[in-house]
PDB file of N, CA and C in Angstrom:
ATOM      1  N   MET A   1     114.503 344.318 144.671  1.00  0.00           N
ATOM      2  CA  MET A   1     114.277 343.987 143.291  1.00  0.00           C
ATOM      3  C   MET A   1     114.785 342.601 142.972  1.00  0.00           C
ATOM      4  N   THR A   2     113.974 341.929 142.178  1.00  0.00           N
ATOM      5  CA  THR A   2     114.393 340.597 141.778  1.00  0.00           C
ATOM      6  C   THR A   2     114.827 340.634 140.330  1.00  0.00           C
ATOM      7  N   GLY A   3     115.885 339.962 140.043  1.00  0.00           N
ATOM      8  CA  GLY A   3     116.399 339.915 138.676  1.00  0.00           C
ATOM      9  C   GLY A   3     115.903 338.676 137.956  1.00  0.00           C
ATOM     10  N   ILE A   4     116.132 338.672 136.678  1.00  0.00           N
ATOM     11  CA  ILE A   4     115.734 337.539 135.858  1.00  0.00           C
ATOM     12  C   ILE A   4     116.776 336.457 136.049  1.00  0.00           C
ATOM     13  N   ASP A   5     116.290 335.245 136.151  1.00  0.00           N
ATOM     14  CA  ASP A   5     117.178 334.106 136.316  1.00  0.00           C
ATOM     15  C   ASP A   5     118.098 334.024 135.095  1.00  0.00           C
ATOM     16  N   ARG A   6     119.388 333.855 135.351  1.00  0.00           N
ATOM     17  CA  ARG A   6     120.391 333.844 134.286  1.00  0.00           C
ATOM     18  C   ARG A   6     120.153 332.685 133.315  1.00  0.00           C
ATOM     19  N   ALA A   7     119.750 331.536 133.769  1.00  0.00           N
ATOM     20  CA  ALA A   7     119.512 330.372 132.914  1.00  0.00           C
ATOM     21  C   ALA A   7     118.349 330.639 131.968  1.00  0.00           C
ATOM     22  N   ILE A   8     117.303 331.275 132.487  1.00  0.00           N
ATOM     23  CA  ILE A   8     116.143 331.591 131.639  1.00  0.00           C
ATOM     24  C   ILE A   8     116.545 332.608 130.586  1.00  0.00           C
ATOM     25  N   GLU A   9     117.331 333.578 130.974  1.00  0.00           N
ATOM     26  CA  GLU A   9     117.771 334.612 130.034  1.00  0.00           C
ATOM     27  C   GLU A   9     118.620 334.013 128.912  1.00  0.00           C
ATOM     28  N   GLU A  10     119.516 333.075 129.251  1.00  0.00           N
ATOM     29  CA  GLU A  10     120.347 332.420 128.228  1.00  0.00           C
ATOM     30  C   GLU A  10     119.484 331.555 127.303  1.00  0.00           C
ATOM     31  N   ARG A  11     118.525 330.832 127.887  1.00  0.00           N
ATOM     32  CA  ARG A  11     117.640 329.982 127.075  1.00  0.00           C
ATOM     33  C   ARG A  11     116.832 330.846 126.110  1.00  0.00           C
ATOM     34  N   PHE A  12     116.340 331.974 126.590  1.00  0.00           N
ATOM     35  CA  PHE A  12     115.591 332.886 125.738  1.00  0.00           C
ATOM     36  C   PHE A  12     116.473 333.412 124.596  1.00  0.00           C
ATOM     37  N   ALA A  13     117.718 333.720 124.898  1.00  0.00           N
ATOM     38  CA  ALA A  13     118.649 334.217 123.877  1.00  0.00           C
ATOM     39  C   ALA A  13     118.894 333.139 122.823  1.00  0.00           C
ATOM     40  N   GLN A  14     119.009 331.868 123.241  1.00  0.00           N
ATOM     41  CA  GLN A  14     119.211 330.767 122.292  1.00  0.00           C
ATOM     42  C   GLN A  14     117.986 330.598 121.376  1.00  0.00           C
ATOM     43  N   ILE A  15     116.828 330.634 121.975  1.00  0.00           N
ATOM     44  CA  ILE A  15     115.599 330.492 121.197  1.00  0.00           C
ATOM     45  C   ILE A  15     115.464 331.637 120.203  1.00  0.00           C
ATOM     46  N   LEU A  16     115.756 332.851 120.673  1.00  0.00           N
ATOM     47  CA  LEU A  16     115.662 334.025 119.809  1.00  0.00           C
ATOM     48  C   LEU A  16     116.661 333.930 118.652  1.00  0.00           C
ATOM     49  N   ALA A  17     117.878 333.488 118.916  1.00  0.00           N
ATOM     50  CA  ALA A  17     118.893 333.353 117.863  1.00  0.00           C
ATOM     51  C   ALA A  17     118.476 332.276 116.856  1.00  0.00           C
ATOM     52  N   GLY A  18     117.946 331.154 117.349  1.00  0.00           N
ATOM     53  CA  GLY A  18     117.490 330.086 116.452  1.00  0.00           C
ATOM     54  C   GLY A  18     116.338 330.547 115.576  1.00  0.00           C
ATOM     55  N   THR A  19     115.417 331.286 116.164  1.00  0.00           N
ATOM     56  CA  THR A  19     114.266 331.793 115.417  1.00  0.00           C
ATOM     57  C   THR A  19     114.716 332.767 114.333  1.00  0.00           C
ATOM     58  N   ARG A  20     115.659 333.639 114.673  1.00  0.00           N
ATOM     59  CA  ARG A  20     116.157 334.602 113.683  1.00  0.00           C
ATOM     60  C   ARG A  20     116.901 333.894 112.545  1.00  0.00           C
ATOM     61  N   ALA A  21     117.643 332.837 112.869  1.00  0.00           N
ATOM     62  CA  ALA A  21     118.359 332.080 111.839  1.00  0.00           C
ATOM     63  C   ALA A  21     117.364 331.388 110.903  1.00  0.00           C
ATOM     64  N   LYS A  22     116.311 330.781 111.482  1.00  0.00           N
ATOM     65  CA  LYS A  22     115.291 330.126 110.657  1.00  0.00           C
ATOM     66  C   LYS A  22     114.573 331.143 109.781  1.00  0.00           C
ATOM     67  N   ALA A  23     114.269 332.309 110.344  1.00  0.00           N
ATOM     68  CA  ALA A  23     113.594 333.357 109.581  1.00  0.00           C
ATOM     69  C   ALA A  23     114.469 333.824 108.421  1.00  0.00           C
ATOM     70  N   ALA A  24     115.773 333.941 108.656  1.00  0.00           N
ATOM     71  CA  ALA A  24     116.693 334.346 107.589  1.00  0.00           C
ATOM     72  C   ALA A  24     116.742 333.287 106.485  1.00  0.00           C
ATOM     73  N   ASP A  25     116.762 332.003 106.879  1.00  0.00           N
ATOM     74  CA  ASP A  25     116.748 330.924 105.885  1.00  0.00           C
ATOM     75  C   ASP A  25     115.473 330.966 105.048  1.00  0.00           C
ATOM     76  N   ILE A  26     114.346 331.164 105.723  1.00  0.00           N
ATOM     77  CA  ILE A  26     113.068 331.226 105.011  1.00  0.00           C
ATOM     78  C   ILE A  26     113.052 332.414 104.058  1.00  0.00           C
ATOM     79  N   SER A  27     113.565 333.558 104.513  1.00  0.00           N
ATOM     80  CA  SER A  27     113.617 334.747 103.656  1.00  0.00           C
ATOM     81  C   SER A  27     114.487 334.493 102.429  1.00  0.00           C
ATOM     82  N   ASP A  28     115.617 333.806 102.626  1.00  0.00           N
ATOM     83  CA  ASP A  28     116.496 333.493 101.497  1.00  0.00           C
ATOM     84  C   ASP A  28     115.793 332.557 100.500  1.00  0.00           C
ATOM     85  N   GLN A  29     115.084 331.570 101.026  1.00  0.00           N
ATOM     86  CA  GLN A  29     114.361 330.645 100.147  1.00  0.00           C
ATOM     87  C   GLN A  29     113.261 331.368  99.371  1.00  0.00           C
ATOM     88  N   VAL A  30     112.550 332.257 100.047  1.00  0.00           N
ATOM     89  CA  VAL A  30     111.486 333.019  99.389  1.00  0.00           C
ATOM     90  C   VAL A  30     112.076 333.893  98.297  1.00  0.00           C
ATOM     91  N   GLU A  31     113.176 334.541  98.570  1.00  0.00           N
ATOM     92  CA  GLU A  31     113.814 335.415  97.575  1.00  0.00           C
ATOM     93  C   GLU A  31     114.299 334.607  96.370  1.00  0.00           C
ATOM     94  N   ALA A  32     114.895 333.441  96.633  1.00  0.00           N
ATOM     95  CA  ALA A  32     115.361 332.585  95.534  1.00  0.00           C
ATOM     96  C   ALA A  32     114.180 332.114  94.688  1.00  0.00           C
ATOM     97  N   THR A  33     113.079 331.773  95.337  1.00  0.00           N
ATOM     98  CA  THR A  33     111.888 331.339  94.612  1.00  0.00           C
ATOM     99  C   THR A  33     111.317 332.483  93.782  1.00  0.00           C
ATOM    100  N   LYS A  34     111.294 333.677  94.337  1.00  0.00           N
ATOM    101  CA  LYS A  34     110.817 334.845  93.586  1.00  0.00           C
ATOM    102  C   LYS A  34     111.666 335.072  92.343  1.00  0.00           C
ATOM    103  N   GLN A  35     112.978 334.969  92.495  1.00  0.00           N
ATOM    104  CA  GLN A  35     113.863 335.177  91.347  1.00  0.00           C
ATOM    105  C   GLN A  35     113.666 334.094  90.294  1.00  0.00           C
ATOM    106  N   ARG A  36     113.487 332.851  90.739  1.00  0.00           N
ATOM    107  CA  ARG A  36     113.278 331.750  89.796  1.00  0.00           C
ATOM    108  C   ARG A  36     111.973 331.949  89.031  1.00  0.00           C
ATOM    109  N   ILE A  37     110.917 332.336  89.753  1.00  0.00           N
ATOM    110  CA  ILE A  37     109.621 332.561  89.110  1.00  0.00           C
ATOM    111  C   ILE A  37     109.706 333.728  88.135  1.00  0.00           C
ATOM    112  N   ALA A  38     110.413 334.780  88.527  1.00  0.00           N
ATOM    113  CA  ALA A  38     110.561 335.942  87.642  1.00  0.00           C
ATOM    114  C   ALA A  38     111.301 335.547  86.363  1.00  0.00           C
ATOM    115  N   GLU A  39     112.344 334.723  86.478  1.00  0.00           N
ATOM    116  CA  GLU A  39     113.113 334.283  85.307  1.00  0.00           C
ATOM    117  C   GLU A  39     112.256 333.393  84.405  1.00  0.00           C
ATOM    118  N   GLU A  40     111.507 332.458  85.026  1.00  0.00           N
ATOM    119  CA  GLU A  40     110.626 331.590  84.232  1.00  0.00           C
ATOM    120  C   GLU A  40     109.550 332.414  83.537  1.00  0.00           C
ATOM    121  N   SER A  41     109.029 333.397  84.229  1.00  0.00           N
ATOM    122  CA  SER A  41     108.001 334.269  83.651  1.00  0.00           C
ATOM    123  C   SER A  41     108.563 335.048  82.465  1.00  0.00           C
ATOM    124  N   ARG A  42     109.780 335.550  82.620  1.00  0.00           N
ATOM    125  CA  ARG A  42     110.421 336.300  81.534  1.00  0.00           C
ATOM    126  C   ARG A  42     110.626 335.401  80.317  1.00  0.00           C
ATOM    127  N   LEU A  43     111.103 334.161  80.558  1.00  0.00           N
ATOM    128  CA  LEU A  43     111.324 333.236  79.446  1.00  0.00           C
ATOM    129  C   LEU A  43     110.010 332.886  78.752  1.00  0.00           C
ATOM    130  N   MET A  44     108.967 332.661  79.536  1.00  0.00           N
ATOM    131  CA  MET A  44     107.662 332.339  78.940  1.00  0.00           C
ATOM    132  C   MET A  44     107.123 333.522  78.136  1.00  0.00           C
ATOM    133  N   ARG A  45     107.303 334.733  78.650  1.00  0.00           N
ATOM    134  CA  ARG A  45     106.842 335.923  77.937  1.00  0.00           C
ATOM    135  C   ARG A  45     107.577 336.067  76.608  1.00  0.00           C
ATOM    136  N   GLU A  46     108.903 335.837  76.632  1.00  0.00           N
ATOM    137  CA  GLU A  46     109.677 335.907  75.394  1.00  0.00           C
ATOM    138  C   GLU A  46     109.229 334.841  74.396  1.00  0.00           C
ATOM    139  N   GLN A  47     108.976 333.632  74.898  1.00  0.00           N
ATOM    140  CA  GLN A  47     108.518 332.552  74.022  1.00  0.00           C
ATOM    141  C   GLN A  47     107.146 332.892  73.433  1.00  0.00           C
ATOM    142  N   ASN A  48     106.251 333.423  74.257  1.00  0.00           N
ATOM    143  CA  ASN A  48     104.926 333.804  73.766  1.00  0.00           C
ATOM    144  C   ASN A  48     105.021 334.900  72.713  1.00  0.00           C
ATOM    145  N   GLU A  49     105.893 335.858  72.935  1.00  0.00           N
ATOM    146  CA  GLU A  49     106.073 336.931  71.948  1.00  0.00           C
ATOM    147  C   GLU A  49     106.605 336.372  70.632  1.00  0.00           C
ATOM    148  N   ARG A  50     107.564 335.448  70.728  1.00  0.00           N
ATOM    149  CA  ARG A  50     108.134 334.842  69.521  1.00  0.00           C
ATOM    150  C   ARG A  50     107.070 334.034  68.775  1.00  0.00           C
ATOM    151  N   LEU A  51     106.297 333.238  69.513  1.00  0.00           N
ATOM    152  CA  LEU A  51     105.253 332.443  68.877  1.00  0.00           C
ATOM    153  C   LEU A  51     104.162 333.325  68.272  1.00  0.00           C
ATOM    154  N   SER A  52     103.812 334.403  68.954  1.00  0.00           N
ATOM    155  CA  SER A  52     102.815 335.326  68.419  1.00  0.00           C
ATOM    156  C   SER A  52     103.311 335.962  67.122  1.00  0.00           C
ATOM    157  N   LYS A  53     104.581 336.306  67.114  1.00  0.00           N
ATOM    158  CA  LYS A  53     105.160 336.892  65.905  1.00  0.00           C
ATOM    159  C   LYS A  53     105.125 335.889  64.751  1.00  0.00           C
ATOM    160  N   GLU A  54     105.479 334.622  65.038  1.00  0.00           N
ATOM    161  CA  GLU A  54     105.436 333.584  64.004  1.00  0.00           C
ATOM    162  C   GLU A  54     104.012 333.391  63.484  1.00  0.00           C
ATOM    163  N   LEU A  55     103.050 333.379  64.395  1.00  0.00           N
ATOM    164  CA  LEU A  55     101.650 333.214  63.966  1.00  0.00           C
ATOM    165  C   LEU A  55     101.186 334.402  63.129  1.00  0.00           C
ATOM    166  N   ASP A  56     101.597 335.597  63.511  1.00  0.00           N
ATOM    167  CA  ASP A  56     101.239 336.774  62.722  1.00  0.00           C
ATOM    168  C   ASP A  56     101.840 336.686  61.322  1.00  0.00           C
ATOM    169  N   GLU A  57     103.096 336.229  61.239  1.00  0.00           N
ATOM    170  CA  GLU A  57     103.745 336.093  59.935  1.00  0.00           C
ATOM    171  C   GLU A  57     103.045 335.041  59.082  1.00  0.00           C
ATOM    172  N   ARG A  58     102.676 333.916  59.700  1.00  0.00           N
ATOM    173  CA  ARG A  58     101.960 332.868  58.959  1.00  0.00           C
ATOM    174  C   ARG A  58     100.609 333.382  58.467  1.00  0.00           C
ATOM    175  N   SER A  59      99.921 334.099  59.334  1.00  0.00           N
ATOM    176  CA  SER A  59      98.619 334.635  58.969  1.00  0.00           C
ATOM    177  C   SER A  59      98.747 335.623  57.811  1.00  0.00           C
ATOM    178  N   ALA A  60      99.755 336.473  57.880  1.00  0.00           N
ATOM    179  CA  ALA A  60      99.975 337.439  56.799  1.00  0.00           C
ATOM    180  C   ALA A  60     100.331 336.717  55.499  1.00  0.00           C
ATOM    181  N   ALA A  61     101.134 335.649  55.599  1.00  0.00           N
ATOM    182  CA  ALA A  61     101.513 334.896  54.398  1.00  0.00           C
ATOM    183  C   ALA A  61     100.289 334.213  53.801  1.00  0.00           C
ATOM    184  N   ARG A  62      99.416 333.670  54.642  1.00  0.00           N
ATOM    185  CA  ARG A  62      98.192 333.034  54.117  1.00  0.00           C
ATOM    186  C   ARG A  62      97.291 334.057  53.457  1.00  0.00           C
ATOM    187  N   ALA A  63      97.166 335.216  54.075  1.00  0.00           N
ATOM    188  CA  ALA A  63      96.327 336.262  53.500  1.00  0.00           C
ATOM    189  C   ALA A  63      96.899 336.714  52.161  1.00  0.00           C
ATOM    190  N   ALA A  64      98.221 336.847  52.083  1.00  0.00           N
ATOM    191  CA  ALA A  64      98.853 337.256  50.828  1.00  0.00           C
ATOM    192  C   ALA A  64      98.680 336.185  49.766  1.00  0.00           C
ATOM    193  N   ALA A  65      98.804 334.918  50.165  1.00  0.00           N
ATOM    194  CA  ALA A  65      98.644 333.821  49.197  1.00  0.00           C
ATOM    195  C   ALA A  65      97.195 333.742  48.729  1.00  0.00           C
ATOM    196  N   LYS A  66      96.278 334.059  49.597  1.00  0.00           N
ATOM    197  CA  LYS A  66      94.866 334.012  49.234  1.00  0.00           C
ATOM    198  C   LYS A  66      94.543 335.068  48.183  1.00  0.00           C
ATOM    199  N   ASP A  67      95.182 336.213  48.297  1.00  0.00           N
ATOM    200  CA  ASP A  67      94.931 337.310  47.358  1.00  0.00           C
ATOM    201  C   ASP A  67      95.847 337.276  46.139  1.00  0.00           C
ATOM    202  N   ASP A  68      96.786 336.327  46.094  1.00  0.00           N
ATOM    203  CA  ASP A  68      97.741 336.245  44.993  1.00  0.00           C
ATOM    204  C   ASP A  68      97.041 335.689  43.747  1.00  0.00           C
ATOM    205  N   PRO A  69      96.995 336.449  42.644  1.00  0.00           N
ATOM    206  CA  PRO A  69      96.296 335.974  41.446  1.00  0.00           C
ATOM    207  C   PRO A  69      96.963 334.753  40.815  1.00  0.00           C
ATOM    208  N   THR A  70      98.286 334.633  40.919  1.00  0.00           N
ATOM    209  CA  THR A  70      98.939 333.463  40.327  1.00  0.00           C
ATOM    210  C   THR A  70      98.596 332.203  41.102  1.00  0.00           C
ATOM    211  N   ALA A  71      98.420 332.315  42.410  1.00  0.00           N
ATOM    212  CA  ALA A  71      98.039 331.148  43.195  1.00  0.00           C
ATOM    213  C   ALA A  71      96.642 330.686  42.800  1.00  0.00           C
ATOM    214  N   LYS A  72      95.755 331.643  42.550  1.00  0.00           N
ATOM    215  CA  LYS A  72      94.412 331.282  42.128  1.00  0.00           C
ATOM    216  C   LYS A  72      94.442 330.585  40.770  1.00  0.00           C
ATOM    217  N   ASN A  73      95.267 331.086  39.870  1.00  0.00           N
ATOM    218  CA  ASN A  73      95.357 330.477  38.544  1.00  0.00           C
ATOM    219  C   ASN A  73      95.932 329.066  38.624  1.00  0.00           C
ATOM    220  N   GLU A  74      96.920 328.851  39.480  1.00  0.00           N
ATOM    221  CA  GLU A  74      97.494 327.520  39.637  1.00  0.00           C
ATOM    222  C   GLU A  74      96.450 326.554  40.167  1.00  0.00           C
ATOM    223  N   TRP A  75      95.616 327.021  41.060  1.00  0.00           N
ATOM    224  CA  TRP A  75      94.585 326.156  41.610  1.00  0.00           C
ATOM    225  C   TRP A  75      93.582 325.772  40.522  1.00  0.00           C
ATOM    226  N   LEU A  76      93.265 326.718  39.654  1.00  0.00           N
ATOM    227  CA  LEU A  76      92.317 326.439  38.575  1.00  0.00           C
ATOM    228  C   LEU A  76      92.898 325.485  37.542  1.00  0.00           C
ATOM    229  N   LYS A  77      94.229 325.453  37.399  1.00  0.00           N
ATOM    230  CA  LYS A  77      94.885 324.601  36.407  1.00  0.00           C
ATOM    231  C   LYS A  77      95.019 323.160  36.873  1.00  0.00           C
ATOM    232  N   ARG A  78      94.675 322.872  38.095  1.00  0.00           N
ATOM    233  CA  ARG A  78      94.818 321.516  38.610  1.00  0.00           C
ATOM    234  C   ARG A  78      93.992 320.540  37.789  1.00  0.00           C
ATOM    235  N   ASP A  79      94.465 319.314  37.757  1.00  0.00           N
ATOM    236  CA  ASP A  79      93.780 318.248  37.040  1.00  0.00           C
ATOM    237  C   ASP A  79      92.444 317.987  37.730  1.00  0.00           C
ATOM    238  N   SER A  80      91.387 318.032  36.970  1.00  0.00           N
ATOM    239  CA  SER A  80      90.061 317.837  37.556  1.00  0.00           C
ATOM    240  C   SER A  80      89.648 316.375  37.570  1.00  0.00           C
ATOM    241  N   ALA A  81      90.537 315.461  37.115  1.00  0.00           N
ATOM    242  CA  ALA A  81      90.207 314.034  37.134  1.00  0.00           C
ATOM    243  C   ALA A  81      90.199 313.541  38.571  1.00  0.00           C
ATOM    244  N   PRO A  82      89.244 312.687  38.905  1.00  0.00           N
ATOM    245  CA  PRO A  82      89.213 312.177  40.284  1.00  0.00           C
ATOM    246  C   PRO A  82      90.434 311.318  40.564  1.00  0.00           C
ATOM    247  N   GLN A  83      90.911 311.404  41.786  1.00  0.00           N
ATOM    248  CA  GLN A  83      92.090 310.638  42.168  1.00  0.00           C
ATOM    249  C   GLN A  83      91.665 309.341  42.824  1.00  0.00           C
ATOM    250  N   ASP A  84      92.467 308.310  42.597  1.00  0.00           N
ATOM    251  CA  ASP A  84      92.204 307.016  43.203  1.00  0.00           C
ATOM    252  C   ASP A  84      92.822 307.029  44.596  1.00  0.00           C
ATOM    253  N   ASN A  85      91.990 306.946  45.616  1.00  0.00           N
ATOM    254  CA  ASN A  85      92.461 307.027  47.000  1.00  0.00           C
ATOM    255  C   ASN A  85      92.616 305.661  47.644  1.00  0.00           C
ATOM    256  N   THR A  86      92.646 304.610  46.847  1.00  0.00           N
ATOM    257  CA  THR A  86      92.787 303.279  47.428  1.00  0.00           C
ATOM    258  C   THR A  86      94.243 302.992  47.716  1.00  0.00           C
ATOM    259  N   PHE A  87      94.452 302.033  48.589  1.00  0.00           N
ATOM    260  CA  PHE A  87      95.810 301.641  48.959  1.00  0.00           C
ATOM    261  C   PHE A  87      96.469 300.943  47.777  1.00  0.00           C
ATOM    262  N   GLN A  88      97.681 301.348  47.469  1.00  0.00           N
ATOM    263  CA  GLN A  88      98.413 300.759  46.353  1.00  0.00           C
ATOM    264  C   GLN A  88      99.397 299.734  46.886  1.00  0.00           C
ATOM    265  N   PHE A  89      99.307 298.494  46.399  1.00  0.00           N
ATOM    266  CA  PHE A  89     100.231 297.448  46.790  1.00  0.00           C
ATOM    267  C   PHE A  89     101.482 297.535  45.938  1.00  0.00           C
ATOM    268  N   GLY A  90     102.508 296.778  46.332  1.00  0.00           N
ATOM    269  CA  GLY A  90     103.748 296.747  45.553  1.00  0.00           C
ATOM    270  C   GLY A  90     103.501 296.168  44.166  1.00  0.00           C
ATOM    271  N   GLU A  91     104.460 296.354  43.265  1.00  0.00           N
ATOM    272  CA  GLU A  91     104.284 295.909  41.879  1.00  0.00           C
ATOM    273  C   GLU A  91     104.119 294.395  41.785  1.00  0.00           C
ATOM    274  N   ASN A  92     104.856 293.625  42.560  1.00  0.00           N
ATOM    275  CA  ASN A  92     104.835 292.180  42.440  1.00  0.00           C
ATOM    276  C   ASN A  92     103.775 291.510  43.299  1.00  0.00           C
ATOM    277  N   GLU A  93     103.147 292.258  44.168  1.00  0.00           N
ATOM    278  CA  GLU A  93     102.145 291.665  45.034  1.00  0.00           C
ATOM    279  C   GLU A  93     100.816 291.575  44.307  1.00  0.00           C
ATOM    280  N   GLU A  94     100.118 290.499  44.580  1.00  0.00           N
ATOM    281  CA  GLU A  94      98.816 290.325  43.966  1.00  0.00           C
ATOM    282  C   GLU A  94      97.753 290.886  44.899  1.00  0.00           C
ATOM    283  N   ARG A  95      96.661 291.307  44.312  1.00  0.00           N
ATOM    284  CA  ARG A  95      95.536 291.776  45.105  1.00  0.00           C
ATOM    285  C   ARG A  95      94.565 290.618  45.261  1.00  0.00           C
ATOM    286  N   HIS A  96      94.262 290.294  46.477  1.00  0.00           N
ATOM    287  CA  HIS A  96      93.328 289.210  46.758  1.00  0.00           C
ATOM    288  C   HIS A  96      92.123 289.800  47.467  1.00  0.00           C
ATOM    289  N   THR A  97      90.977 289.444  46.964  1.00  0.00           N
ATOM    290  CA  THR A  97      89.749 289.865  47.622  1.00  0.00           C
ATOM    291  C   THR A  97      89.124 288.638  48.235  1.00  0.00           C
ATOM    292  N   THR A  98      88.926 288.695  49.540  1.00  0.00           N
ATOM    293  CA  THR A  98      88.310 287.558  50.211  1.00  0.00           C
ATOM    294  C   THR A  98      86.919 287.964  50.642  1.00  0.00           C
ATOM    295  N   VAL A  99      85.991 287.060  50.385  1.00  0.00           N
ATOM    296  CA  VAL A  99      84.619 287.299  50.798  1.00  0.00           C
ATOM    297  C   VAL A  99      84.331 286.352  51.945  1.00  0.00           C
ATOM    298  N   SER A 100      84.004 286.901  53.070  1.00  0.00           N
ATOM    299  CA  SER A 100      83.729 286.045  54.220  1.00  0.00           C
ATOM    300  C   SER A 100      82.236 285.790  54.299  1.00  0.00           C
ATOM    301  N   GLU A 101      81.915 284.654  54.837  1.00  0.00           N
ATOM    302  CA  GLU A 101      80.507 284.313  54.982  1.00  0.00           C
ATOM    303  C   GLU A 101      79.929 285.113  56.137  1.00  0.00           C
ATOM    304  N   PRO A 102      78.669 285.485  56.007  1.00  0.00           N
ATOM    305  CA  PRO A 102      78.069 286.252  57.104  1.00  0.00           C
ATOM    306  C   PRO A 102      77.920 285.360  58.329  1.00  0.00           C
ATOM    307  N   PRO A 103      77.947 285.948  59.511  1.00  0.00           N
ATOM    308  CA  PRO A 103      77.814 285.144  60.734  1.00  0.00           C
ATOM    309  C   PRO A 103      76.419 284.535  60.790  1.00  0.00           C
ATOM    310  N   PRO A 104      76.265 283.394  61.465  1.00  0.00           N
ATOM    311  CA  PRO A 104      74.950 282.763  61.550  1.00  0.00           C
ATOM    312  C   PRO A 104      73.963 283.668  62.281  1.00  0.00           C
ATOM    313  N   ALA A 105      72.717 283.602  61.869  1.00  0.00           N
ATOM    314  CA  ALA A 105      71.680 284.429  62.479  1.00  0.00           C
ATOM    315  C   ALA A 105      71.460 283.984  63.918  1.00  0.00           C
ATOM    316  N   PRO A 106      71.234 284.909  64.821  1.00  0.00           N
ATOM    317  CA  PRO A 106      71.005 284.536  66.217  1.00  0.00           C
ATOM    318  C   PRO A 106      69.701 283.755  66.349  1.00  0.00           C
ATOM    319  N   GLU A 107      69.663 282.938  67.346  1.00  0.00           N
ATOM    320  CA  GLU A 107      68.502 282.102  67.602  1.00  0.00           C
ATOM    321  C   GLU A 107      67.310 282.987  67.970  1.00  0.00           C
ATOM    322  N   ARG A 108      66.172 282.743  67.352  1.00  0.00           N
ATOM    323  CA  ARG A 108      64.973 283.549  67.619  1.00  0.00           C
ATOM    324  C   ARG A 108      64.317 283.085  68.913  1.00  0.00           C
ATOM    325  N   ARG A 109      63.900 284.017  69.700  1.00  0.00           N
ATOM    326  CA  ARG A 109      63.225 283.716  70.951  1.00  0.00           C
ATOM    327  C   ARG A 109      61.923 284.494  71.009  1.00  0.00           C
ATOM    328  N   GLY A 110      61.150 284.154  71.972  1.00  0.00           N
ATOM    329  CA  GLY A 110      59.929 284.915  72.194  1.00  0.00           C
ATOM    330  C   GLY A 110      60.272 286.323  72.648  1.00  0.00           C
ATOM    331  N   ARG A 111      59.323 287.176  72.523  1.00  0.00           N
ATOM    332  CA  ARG A 111      59.549 288.588  72.815  1.00  0.00           C
ATOM    333  C   ARG A 111      59.961 288.832  74.267  1.00  0.00           C
ATOM    334  N   HIS A 112      59.376 288.087  75.189  1.00  0.00           N
ATOM    335  CA  HIS A 112      59.660 288.316  76.603  1.00  0.00           C
ATOM    336  C   HIS A 112      60.456 287.185  77.240  1.00  0.00           C
ATOM    337  N   ALA A 113      61.121 286.418  76.420  1.00  0.00           N
ATOM    338  CA  ALA A 113      61.898 285.300  76.951  1.00  0.00           C
ATOM    339  C   ALA A 113      63.077 285.826  77.746  1.00  0.00           C
ATOM    340  N   ARG A 114      63.389 285.144  78.833  1.00  0.00           N
ATOM    341  CA  ARG A 114      64.522 285.543  79.669  1.00  0.00           C
ATOM    342  C   ARG A 114      65.821 285.187  78.953  1.00  0.00           C
ATOM    343  N   GLN A 115      66.724 286.107  78.929  1.00  0.00           N
ATOM    344  CA  GLN A 115      68.008 285.857  78.285  1.00  0.00           C
ATOM    345  C   GLN A 115      68.922 285.155  79.270  1.00  0.00           C
ATOM    346  N   ASP A 116      69.654 284.167  78.773  1.00  0.00           N
ATOM    347  CA  ASP A 116      70.638 283.512  79.620  1.00  0.00           C
ATOM    348  C   ASP A 116      71.791 284.465  79.849  1.00  0.00           C
ATOM    349  N   PHE A 117      72.369 284.399  81.018  1.00  0.00           N
ATOM    350  CA  PHE A 117      73.541 285.229  81.264  1.00  0.00           C
ATOM    351  C   PHE A 117      74.533 284.448  82.088  1.00  0.00           C
ATOM    352  N   ASP A 118      75.742 284.854  81.958  1.00  0.00           N
ATOM    353  CA  ASP A 118      76.851 284.224  82.641  1.00  0.00           C
ATOM    354  C   ASP A 118      76.847 284.680  84.100  1.00  0.00           C
ATOM    355  N   ASP A 119      76.952 283.734  85.028  1.00  0.00           N
ATOM    356  CA  ASP A 119      76.962 284.102  86.446  1.00  0.00           C
ATOM    357  C   ASP A 119      78.162 284.971  86.805  1.00  0.00           C
ATOM    358  N   ASP A 120      79.221 284.848  86.027  1.00  0.00           N
ATOM    359  CA  ASP A 120      80.408 285.660  86.299  1.00  0.00           C
ATOM    360  C   ASP A 120      80.317 287.045  85.681  1.00  0.00           C
ATOM    361  N   ASP A 121      79.305 287.282  84.868  1.00  0.00           N
ATOM    362  CA  ASP A 121      79.119 288.593  84.245  1.00  0.00           C
ATOM    363  C   ASP A 121      78.343 289.462  85.243  1.00  0.00           C
ATOM    364  N   PHE A 122      79.049 290.256  86.010  1.00  0.00           N
ATOM    365  CA  PHE A 122      78.432 291.026  87.079  1.00  0.00           C
ATOM    366  C   PHE A 122      77.618 292.218  86.575  1.00  0.00           C
ATOM    367  N   SER A 123      77.729 292.521  85.297  1.00  0.00           N
ATOM    368  CA  SER A 123      76.975 293.662  84.788  1.00  0.00           C
ATOM    369  C   SER A 123      75.478 293.370  84.787  1.00  0.00           C
ATOM    370  N   ASN A 124      75.071 292.078  84.839  1.00  0.00           N
ATOM    371  CA  ASN A 124      73.665 291.728  84.850  1.00  0.00           C
ATOM    372  C   ASN A 124      73.091 291.638  86.249  1.00  0.00           C
ATOM    373  N   ASN A 125      73.902 291.767  87.261  1.00  0.00           N
ATOM    374  CA  ASN A 125      73.443 291.651  88.636  1.00  0.00           C
ATOM    375  C   ASN A 125      73.157 293.025  89.215  1.00  0.00           C
ATOM    376  N   SER A 126      72.149 293.099  89.998  1.00  0.00           N
ATOM    377  CA  SER A 126      71.849 294.347  90.690  1.00  0.00           C
ATOM    378  C   SER A 126      72.462 294.249  92.082  1.00  0.00           C
ATOM    379  N   TRP A 127      73.323 295.142  92.398  1.00  0.00           N
ATOM    380  CA  TRP A 127      74.009 295.131  93.690  1.00  0.00           C
ATOM    381  C   TRP A 127      73.219 295.912  94.742  1.00  0.00           C
ATOM    382  N   MET A 128      72.107 296.470  94.339  1.00  0.00           N
ATOM    383  CA  MET A 128      71.333 297.281  95.268  1.00  0.00           C
ATOM    384  C   MET A 128      70.146 296.507  95.837  1.00  0.00           C
ATOM    385  N   LYS A 129      70.130 295.199  95.748  1.00  0.00           N
ATOM    386  CA  LYS A 129      69.000 294.388  96.240  1.00  0.00           C
ATOM    387  C   LYS A 129      68.960 294.403  97.737  1.00  0.00           C
TER     388      LYS A 129
END
């Protein structure tokens, strides 16, 4: 009978121990990640529940205000005069209205006249020639 070489057996034991250590590290990292995700998920769920509750309360308050007869009466009592929506300057500032001259009319050309273009304006060039 031939036995296994002692050096090979020791090398195999080292490789096996290293592999088990790496596997344990990976398992620990996976577990930590699972716990972190679970905690983040719990916090997000709590935040969503809180926000949903706030939205429900706002919706109920709007519905109650819509059906409130005093709110309707207050709306009807509003001043029906149109409001001036223009910008208001300070008391001491004067309002100046400047009228600018219209830009000069473009030069008239024939219907099929070629338009001049800037050689550096690449938008007029066809790159697929």
